[in-house]
Amino acid sequence: MKTAEQGKGKEKYVLRLYIAGTTPRSIRAVSRIRQICHQYLDSRHELEVIDTYQNPQSLVENKIIALPTLVKEVPPPLRRIVGDMSDTEKVLCALDIGQ
């Protein structure tokens, strides 16, 4: 497995994970994305977890139609990943993190 230093570039990643309370999929998504960020991005990321039960307006404001959804805002391009983040290859590809 690669470390953060071996990842593509040195840019900082700004990520937002939209979840639905404490459902099993939401808990799994939070756990997996934190593991991925720790392993591949180390200190080069900012992760905000948004519970849409606590903040339902965020769904409309950010055009979120499925949960959990991870949004990569920075670096461009903007990307959205839907699911529990269990497919590490898919997440890394969507985040444009080289392996």
Protein backbone atom coordinates (compact mmCIF):
# COMPACT_ATOMS: atom_id res chain seq x y z
CA MET A 1 0.00 0.00 0.00
CA LYS A 2 1.13 3.51 -0.70
CA THR A 3 1.53 6.24 1.83
CA ALA A 4 0.44 9.85 1.58
CA GLU A 5 3.88 10.91 0.41
CA GLN A 6 3.64 8.52 -2.53
CA GLY A 7 0.24 9.88 -3.59
CA LYS A 8 -0.21 12.06 -6.64
CA GLY A 9 0.86 15.66 -6.01
CA LYS A 10 1.02 17.54 -2.77
CA GLU A 11 -2.24 19.45 -3.01
CA LYS A 12 -4.55 19.81 -0.05
CA TYR A 13 -7.90 18.06 -0.40
CA VAL A 14 -11.15 19.59 0.83
CA LEU A 15 -13.78 16.88 1.26
CA ARG A 16 -17.35 16.87 2.52
CA LEU A 17 -19.10 13.65 3.45
CA TYR A 18 -22.90 13.83 3.62
CA ILE A 19 -24.44 11.10 5.77
CA ALA A 20 -27.85 10.12 7.17
CA GLY A 21 -27.42 9.95 10.93
CA THR A 22 -26.00 6.78 12.43
CA THR A 23 -27.16 4.25 9.86
CA PRO A 24 -24.76 1.36 9.22
CA ARG A 25 -23.90 2.74 5.74
CA SER A 26 -23.18 6.18 7.18
CA ILE A 27 -20.98 4.80 9.95
CA ARG A 28 -19.10 2.62 7.45
CA ALA A 29 -18.64 5.57 5.07
CA VAL A 30 -17.22 7.81 7.81
CA SER A 31 -14.86 5.08 9.00
CA ARG A 32 -13.65 4.18 5.49
CA ILE A 33 -13.07 7.75 4.31
CA ARG A 34 -11.15 8.56 7.48
CA GLN A 35 -8.96 5.49 6.91
CA ILE A 36 -8.39 6.45 3.27
CA CYS A 37 -7.56 10.06 4.19
CA HIS A 38 -5.16 8.93 6.92
CA GLN A 39 -3.41 6.42 4.67
CA TYR A 40 -3.24 8.35 1.41
CA LEU A 41 -3.57 12.05 2.31
CA ASP A 42 -2.13 12.22 5.82
CA SER A 43 -2.25 15.89 6.84
CA ARG A 44 -3.11 17.13 3.34
CA HIS A 45 -6.87 17.01 3.79
CA GLU A 46 -9.78 18.71 5.43
CA LEU A 47 -12.78 16.44 5.98
CA GLU A 48 -16.16 17.77 7.05
CA VAL A 49 -18.86 15.23 7.93
CA ILE A 50 -22.36 16.63 7.49
CA ASP A 51 -25.26 14.77 9.09
CA THR A 52 -28.24 15.59 6.91
CA TYR A 53 -30.64 14.67 9.72
CA GLN A 54 -29.17 17.59 11.67
CA ASN A 55 -28.86 19.84 8.61
CA PRO A 56 -31.48 18.83 6.00
CA GLN A 57 -31.14 22.11 4.11
CA SER A 58 -27.60 21.05 3.09
CA LEU A 59 -29.15 18.43 0.78
CA VAL A 60 -30.93 21.07 -1.26
CA GLU A 61 -28.13 23.64 -1.13
CA ASN A 62 -25.53 21.14 -2.37
CA LYS A 63 -27.79 19.12 -4.69
CA ILE A 64 -27.24 15.86 -2.82
CA ILE A 65 -29.66 13.17 -4.03
CA ALA A 66 -28.23 10.00 -2.43
CA LEU A 67 -26.51 9.21 0.85
CA PRO A 68 -23.77 8.77 1.81
CA THR A 69 -22.12 11.11 -0.71
CA LEU A 70 -18.52 12.29 -0.63
CA VAL A 71 -17.82 15.59 -2.41
CA LYS A 72 -14.26 16.49 -3.38
CA GLU A 73 -14.21 20.26 -3.70
CA VAL A 74 -10.47 20.87 -3.92
CA PRO A 75 -8.38 20.20 -5.93
CA PRO A 76 -10.50 20.59 -9.06
CA PRO A 77 -12.41 19.08 -10.70
CA LEU A 78 -15.34 18.74 -8.34
CA ARG A 79 -16.20 15.06 -7.84
CA ARG A 80 -19.02 13.20 -6.10
CA ILE A 81 -18.81 9.62 -4.87
CA VAL A 82 -21.95 7.83 -3.68
CA GLY A 83 -21.87 4.81 -1.40
CA ASP A 84 -20.26 3.55 1.78
CA MET A 85 -16.69 4.11 0.48
CA SER A 86 -15.88 0.39 0.88
CA ASP A 87 -14.46 0.17 -2.66
CA THR A 88 -11.06 1.78 -2.01
CA GLU A 89 -10.02 1.61 -5.69
CA LYS A 90 -13.14 3.50 -6.75
CA VAL A 91 -12.66 6.16 -4.08
CA LEU A 92 -8.97 6.67 -4.92
CA CYS A 93 -9.75 6.91 -8.62
CA ALA A 94 -12.55 9.42 -8.03
CA LEU A 95 -10.31 11.50 -5.77
CA ASP A 96 -7.56 11.28 -8.40
CA ILE A 97 -5.07 9.84 -5.95
CA GLY A 98 -2.45 7.78 -7.74
CA GLN A 99 -1.61 4.39 -6.30
